[in-house]
Amino acid sequence: MKRTIENIEYQETTEALALFAKALGHPTRIAILQYLETEACCFTGDLVDVLPLAQSTVSQHLKELKKVGLIQGELKPPKIKYCINKEVWEQAKTLFAEFFDK
């Protein structure tokens, strides 16, 4: 298949949408994002206090959200402060809106 600008854009868009969907495919990750929307930023321990999960489990979910860029972490030794990456969050919202509005 010949690669054109349209094909490249389509591939990048669908791949990004699929990565965001996969990251949002677990209820705990959705809960983390909902919490971050209300609290702006938090530490892992803050999430452990509100979620019925072990710290290691919460950390794994944070890692997955960070991997796709939906959240970002700022090192505050000895902890990491997490918050929503607003630029990527807007990109994800736009991609989902376009997908569902077609």
N, C-alpha and C. Protein backbone atom coordinates (compact mmCIF):
# COMPACT_ATOMS: atom_id res chain seq x y z
N MET A 1 0.84 -1.17 0.00
CA MET A 1 0.00 0.00 0.00
C MET A 1 0.89 1.24 0.00
N LYS A 2 0.55 2.16 -0.84
CA LYS A 2 1.30 3.41 -0.93
C LYS A 2 0.98 4.26 0.31
N ARG A 3 2.04 4.79 0.94
CA ARG A 3 1.86 5.63 2.13
C ARG A 3 1.67 7.07 1.69
N THR A 4 0.58 7.65 2.11
CA THR A 4 0.31 9.05 1.82
C THR A 4 0.18 9.80 3.14
N ILE A 5 0.14 11.11 3.04
CA ILE A 5 -0.04 11.93 4.24
C ILE A 5 -1.33 11.53 4.97
N GLU A 6 -2.40 11.30 4.22
CA GLU A 6 -3.67 10.92 4.83
C GLU A 6 -3.55 9.60 5.59
N ASN A 7 -2.85 8.62 5.00
CA ASN A 7 -2.66 7.32 5.65
C ASN A 7 -1.83 7.45 6.92
N ILE A 8 -0.78 8.27 6.86
CA ILE A 8 0.07 8.46 8.03
C ILE A 8 -0.71 9.12 9.15
N GLU A 9 -1.47 10.18 8.82
CA GLU A 9 -2.29 10.85 9.83
C GLU A 9 -3.33 9.90 10.41
N TYR A 10 -3.96 9.12 9.54
CA TYR A 10 -4.95 8.14 9.99
C TYR A 10 -4.32 7.14 10.95
N GLN A 11 -3.17 6.63 10.58
CA GLN A 11 -2.49 5.64 11.41
C GLN A 11 -2.10 6.24 12.75
N GLU A 12 -1.53 7.44 12.75
CA GLU A 12 -1.14 8.08 14.01
C GLU A 12 -2.35 8.35 14.90
N THR A 13 -3.44 8.80 14.30
CA THR A 13 -4.65 9.10 15.05
C THR A 13 -5.25 7.83 15.65
N THR A 14 -5.38 6.79 14.85
CA THR A 14 -5.99 5.56 15.36
C THR A 14 -5.11 4.89 16.40
N GLU A 15 -3.80 4.95 16.22
CA GLU A 15 -2.89 4.37 17.21
C GLU A 15 -2.97 5.14 18.53
N ALA A 16 -3.01 6.45 18.46
CA ALA A 16 -3.11 7.26 19.68
C ALA A 16 -4.43 6.97 20.39
N LEU A 17 -5.51 6.92 19.65
CA LEU A 17 -6.82 6.64 20.24
C LEU A 17 -6.83 5.26 20.91
N ALA A 18 -6.24 4.28 20.25
CA ALA A 18 -6.19 2.92 20.82
C ALA A 18 -5.35 2.89 22.10
N LEU A 19 -4.24 3.63 22.13
CA LEU A 19 -3.42 3.67 23.35
C LEU A 19 -4.17 4.32 24.51
N PHE A 20 -4.87 5.41 24.23
CA PHE A 20 -5.66 6.06 25.28
C PHE A 20 -6.77 5.14 25.76
N ALA A 21 -7.44 4.48 24.82
CA ALA A 21 -8.53 3.57 25.19
C ALA A 21 -8.01 2.42 26.05
N LYS A 22 -6.86 1.89 25.70
CA LYS A 22 -6.28 0.80 26.49
C LYS A 22 -5.95 1.29 27.90
N ALA A 23 -5.36 2.47 28.00
CA ALA A 23 -5.02 3.02 29.32
C ALA A 23 -6.26 3.26 30.17
N LEU A 24 -7.35 3.63 29.53
CA LEU A 24 -8.61 3.89 30.25
C LEU A 24 -9.44 2.62 30.44
N GLY A 25 -8.90 1.49 30.00
CA GLY A 25 -9.63 0.24 30.03
C GLY A 25 -9.67 -0.45 31.39
N HIS A 26 -9.26 0.23 32.43
CA HIS A 26 -9.32 -0.36 33.77
C HIS A 26 -10.00 0.63 34.71
N PRO A 27 -10.96 0.16 35.50
CA PRO A 27 -11.71 1.06 36.40
C PRO A 27 -10.82 1.84 37.36
N THR A 28 -9.74 1.26 37.81
CA THR A 28 -8.85 1.97 38.74
C THR A 28 -8.21 3.18 38.06
N ARG A 29 -7.84 3.04 36.81
CA ARG A 29 -7.23 4.16 36.10
C ARG A 29 -8.22 5.29 35.89
N ILE A 30 -9.45 4.94 35.63
CA ILE A 30 -10.49 5.95 35.50
C ILE A 30 -10.68 6.66 36.84
N ALA A 31 -10.70 5.90 37.92
CA ALA A 31 -10.84 6.48 39.26
C ALA A 31 -9.67 7.42 39.57
N ILE A 32 -8.47 7.04 39.18
CA ILE A 32 -7.30 7.89 39.41
C ILE A 32 -7.45 9.20 38.67
N LEU A 33 -7.85 9.14 37.41
CA LEU A 33 -8.03 10.36 36.62
C LEU A 33 -9.14 11.24 37.19
N GLN A 34 -10.22 10.62 37.64
CA GLN A 34 -11.30 11.39 38.26
C GLN A 34 -10.81 12.08 39.53
N TYR A 35 -10.02 11.39 40.31
CA TYR A 35 -9.46 11.98 41.53
C TYR A 35 -8.54 13.15 41.18
N LEU A 36 -7.69 12.95 40.17
CA LEU A 36 -6.77 14.02 39.78
C LEU A 36 -7.49 15.23 39.21
N GLU A 37 -8.64 15.03 38.61
CA GLU A 37 -9.41 16.16 38.11
C GLU A 37 -9.92 17.03 39.26
N THR A 38 -10.20 16.42 40.39
CA THR A 38 -10.72 17.19 41.53
C THR A 38 -9.62 17.72 42.43
N GLU A 39 -8.49 17.04 42.46
CA GLU A 39 -7.41 17.41 43.38
C GLU A 39 -6.23 18.09 42.70
N ALA A 40 -6.24 18.18 41.40
CA ALA A 40 -5.17 18.78 40.60
C ALA A 40 -3.90 17.92 40.62
N CYS A 41 -3.31 17.70 41.79
CA CYS A 41 -2.10 16.88 41.91
C CYS A 41 -2.18 16.06 43.19
N CYS A 42 -1.43 14.97 43.22
CA CYS A 42 -1.39 14.16 44.43
C CYS A 42 -0.16 13.27 44.42
N PHE A 43 0.09 12.67 45.57
CA PHE A 43 1.15 11.68 45.71
C PHE A 43 0.51 10.29 45.72
N THR A 44 1.29 9.26 45.48
CA THR A 44 0.79 7.89 45.48
C THR A 44 0.04 7.58 46.77
N GLY A 45 0.59 8.01 47.89
CA GLY A 45 -0.04 7.76 49.18
C GLY A 45 -1.44 8.35 49.29
N ASP A 46 -1.66 9.49 48.64
CA ASP A 46 -3.00 10.09 48.64
C ASP A 46 -4.00 9.16 47.97
N LEU A 47 -3.58 8.54 46.88
CA LEU A 47 -4.46 7.62 46.16
C LEU A 47 -4.68 6.33 46.95
N VAL A 48 -3.64 5.87 47.62
CA VAL A 48 -3.77 4.67 48.45
C VAL A 48 -4.78 4.90 49.56
N ASP A 49 -4.84 6.14 50.05
CA ASP A 49 -5.80 6.48 51.11
C ASP A 49 -7.25 6.44 50.63
N VAL A 50 -7.49 6.70 49.34
CA VAL A 50 -8.87 6.75 48.84
C VAL A 50 -9.27 5.53 48.01
N LEU A 51 -8.32 4.75 47.57
CA LEU A 51 -8.62 3.55 46.79
C LEU A 51 -8.36 2.31 47.64
N PRO A 52 -9.20 1.29 47.49
CA PRO A 52 -9.00 0.07 48.29
C PRO A 52 -7.96 -0.87 47.69
N LEU A 53 -6.77 -0.31 47.43
CA LEU A 53 -5.72 -1.08 46.76
C LEU A 53 -4.38 -0.87 47.45
N ALA A 54 -3.51 -1.83 47.26
CA ALA A 54 -2.16 -1.72 47.80
C ALA A 54 -1.37 -0.66 47.05
N GLN A 55 -0.36 -0.13 47.70
CA GLN A 55 0.47 0.90 47.10
C GLN A 55 1.11 0.42 45.80
N SER A 56 1.54 -0.82 45.76
CA SER A 56 2.18 -1.35 44.56
C SER A 56 1.21 -1.41 43.38
N THR A 57 -0.04 -1.73 43.67
CA THR A 57 -1.06 -1.78 42.62
C THR A 57 -1.35 -0.39 42.08
N VAL A 58 -1.51 0.57 42.98
CA VAL A 58 -1.74 1.96 42.57
C VAL A 58 -0.55 2.45 41.74
N SER A 59 0.65 2.14 42.16
CA SER A 59 1.84 2.56 41.42
C SER A 59 1.85 1.98 40.01
N GLN A 60 1.43 0.74 39.86
CA GLN A 60 1.39 0.12 38.53
C GLN A 60 0.39 0.83 37.62
N HIS A 61 -0.76 1.21 38.16
CA HIS A 61 -1.75 1.93 37.36
C HIS A 61 -1.25 3.33 37.01
N LEU A 62 -0.57 3.99 37.93
CA LEU A 62 0.02 5.30 37.64
C LEU A 62 1.05 5.17 36.53
N LYS A 63 1.82 4.11 36.56
CA LYS A 63 2.83 3.87 35.53
C LYS A 63 2.19 3.75 34.15
N GLU A 64 1.08 3.04 34.07
CA GLU A 64 0.39 2.86 32.79
C GLU A 64 -0.18 4.18 32.27
N LEU A 65 -0.75 4.98 33.15
CA LEU A 65 -1.28 6.28 32.74
C LEU A 65 -0.17 7.23 32.32
N LYS A 66 0.94 7.14 33.00
CA LYS A 66 2.09 7.99 32.67
C LYS A 66 2.71 7.57 31.34
N LYS A 67 2.72 6.27 31.09
CA LYS A 67 3.32 5.74 29.86
C LYS A 67 2.66 6.32 28.61
N VAL A 68 1.34 6.53 28.65
CA VAL A 68 0.65 7.10 27.49
C VAL A 68 0.55 8.61 27.58
N GLY A 69 1.07 9.19 28.66
CA GLY A 69 1.13 10.63 28.76
C GLY A 69 -0.08 11.31 29.38
N LEU A 70 -1.07 10.53 29.83
CA LEU A 70 -2.27 11.15 30.40
C LEU A 70 -1.98 11.85 31.73
N ILE A 71 -0.97 11.36 32.44
CA ILE A 71 -0.53 12.02 33.67
C ILE A 71 0.96 12.26 33.58
N GLN A 72 1.44 13.14 34.43
CA GLN A 72 2.87 13.38 34.51
C GLN A 72 3.26 13.40 35.97
N GLY A 73 4.51 13.06 36.21
CA GLY A 73 5.01 13.02 37.57
C GLY A 73 6.16 13.98 37.75
N GLU A 74 6.14 14.68 38.87
CA GLU A 74 7.21 15.61 39.22
C GLU A 74 7.89 15.09 40.47
N LEU A 75 9.18 14.90 40.38
CA LEU A 75 9.94 14.35 41.50
C LEU A 75 10.02 15.36 42.64
N LYS A 76 9.50 14.95 43.77
CA LYS A 76 9.57 15.73 45.01
C LYS A 76 10.16 14.79 46.06
N PRO A 77 11.49 14.61 46.04
CA PRO A 77 12.12 13.59 46.89
C PRO A 77 11.56 13.56 48.31
N PRO A 78 11.26 12.39 48.80
CA PRO A 78 11.45 11.07 48.20
C PRO A 78 10.21 10.59 47.44
N LYS A 79 9.29 11.48 47.10
CA LYS A 79 8.03 11.09 46.46
C LYS A 79 7.93 11.67 45.06
N ILE A 80 6.89 11.22 44.35
CA ILE A 80 6.56 11.77 43.04
C ILE A 80 5.16 12.36 43.13
N LYS A 81 5.03 13.60 42.69
CA LYS A 81 3.73 14.26 42.66
C LYS A 81 3.14 14.08 41.26
N TYR A 82 1.92 13.53 41.19
CA TYR A 82 1.28 13.26 39.91
C TYR A 82 0.17 14.26 39.63
N CYS A 83 0.03 14.61 38.35
CA CYS A 83 -1.09 15.45 37.93
C CYS A 83 -1.43 15.10 36.48
N ILE A 84 -2.60 15.53 36.07
CA ILE A 84 -3.03 15.29 34.69
C ILE A 84 -2.16 16.13 33.76
N ASN A 85 -1.73 15.54 32.67
CA ASN A 85 -1.00 16.26 31.63
C ASN A 85 -2.07 16.90 30.75
N LYS A 86 -2.33 18.17 30.99
CA LYS A 86 -3.47 18.85 30.35
C LYS A 86 -3.41 18.83 28.83
N GLU A 87 -2.23 18.95 28.25
CA GLU A 87 -2.10 18.94 26.80
C GLU A 87 -2.51 17.59 26.22
N VAL A 88 -2.01 16.52 26.80
CA VAL A 88 -2.34 15.17 26.31
C VAL A 88 -3.79 14.83 26.64
N TRP A 89 -4.26 15.28 27.80
CA TRP A 89 -5.65 15.05 28.20
C TRP A 89 -6.60 15.67 27.17
N GLU A 90 -6.29 16.89 26.72
CA GLU A 90 -7.12 17.56 25.70
C GLU A 90 -7.05 16.81 24.38
N GLN A 91 -5.87 16.31 24.04
CA GLN A 91 -5.72 15.53 22.81
C GLN A 91 -6.59 14.27 22.88
N ALA A 92 -6.56 13.59 24.00
CA ALA A 92 -7.37 12.37 24.16
C ALA A 92 -8.85 12.70 24.07
N LYS A 93 -9.28 13.77 24.72
CA LYS A 93 -10.69 14.16 24.67
C LYS A 93 -11.12 14.47 23.24
N THR A 94 -10.26 15.16 22.50
CA THR A 94 -10.57 15.50 21.11
C THR A 94 -10.68 14.24 20.25
N LEU A 95 -9.73 13.32 20.41
CA LEU A 95 -9.76 12.09 19.62
C LEU A 95 -11.01 11.27 19.92
N PHE A 96 -11.37 11.15 21.20
CA PHE A 96 -12.57 10.41 21.55
C PHE A 96 -13.83 11.11 21.03
N ALA A 97 -13.88 12.43 21.12
CA ALA A 97 -15.04 13.17 20.62
C ALA A 97 -15.20 12.97 19.11
N GLU A 98 -14.09 13.07 18.38
CA GLU A 98 -14.14 12.85 16.93
C GLU A 98 -14.58 11.43 16.61
N PHE A 99 -14.08 10.48 17.36
CA PHE A 99 -14.43 9.07 17.15
C PHE A 99 -15.92 8.83 17.37
N PHE A 100 -16.45 9.35 18.47
CA PHE A 100 -17.85 9.10 18.79
C PHE A 100 -18.82 9.97 18.00
N ASP A 101 -18.35 11.09 17.46
CA ASP A 101 -19.23 11.98 16.70
C ASP A 101 -19.31 11.63 15.23
N LYS A 102 -18.55 10.63 14.79
CA LYS A 102 -18.58 10.25 13.36
C LYS A 102 -19.86 9.53 13.04
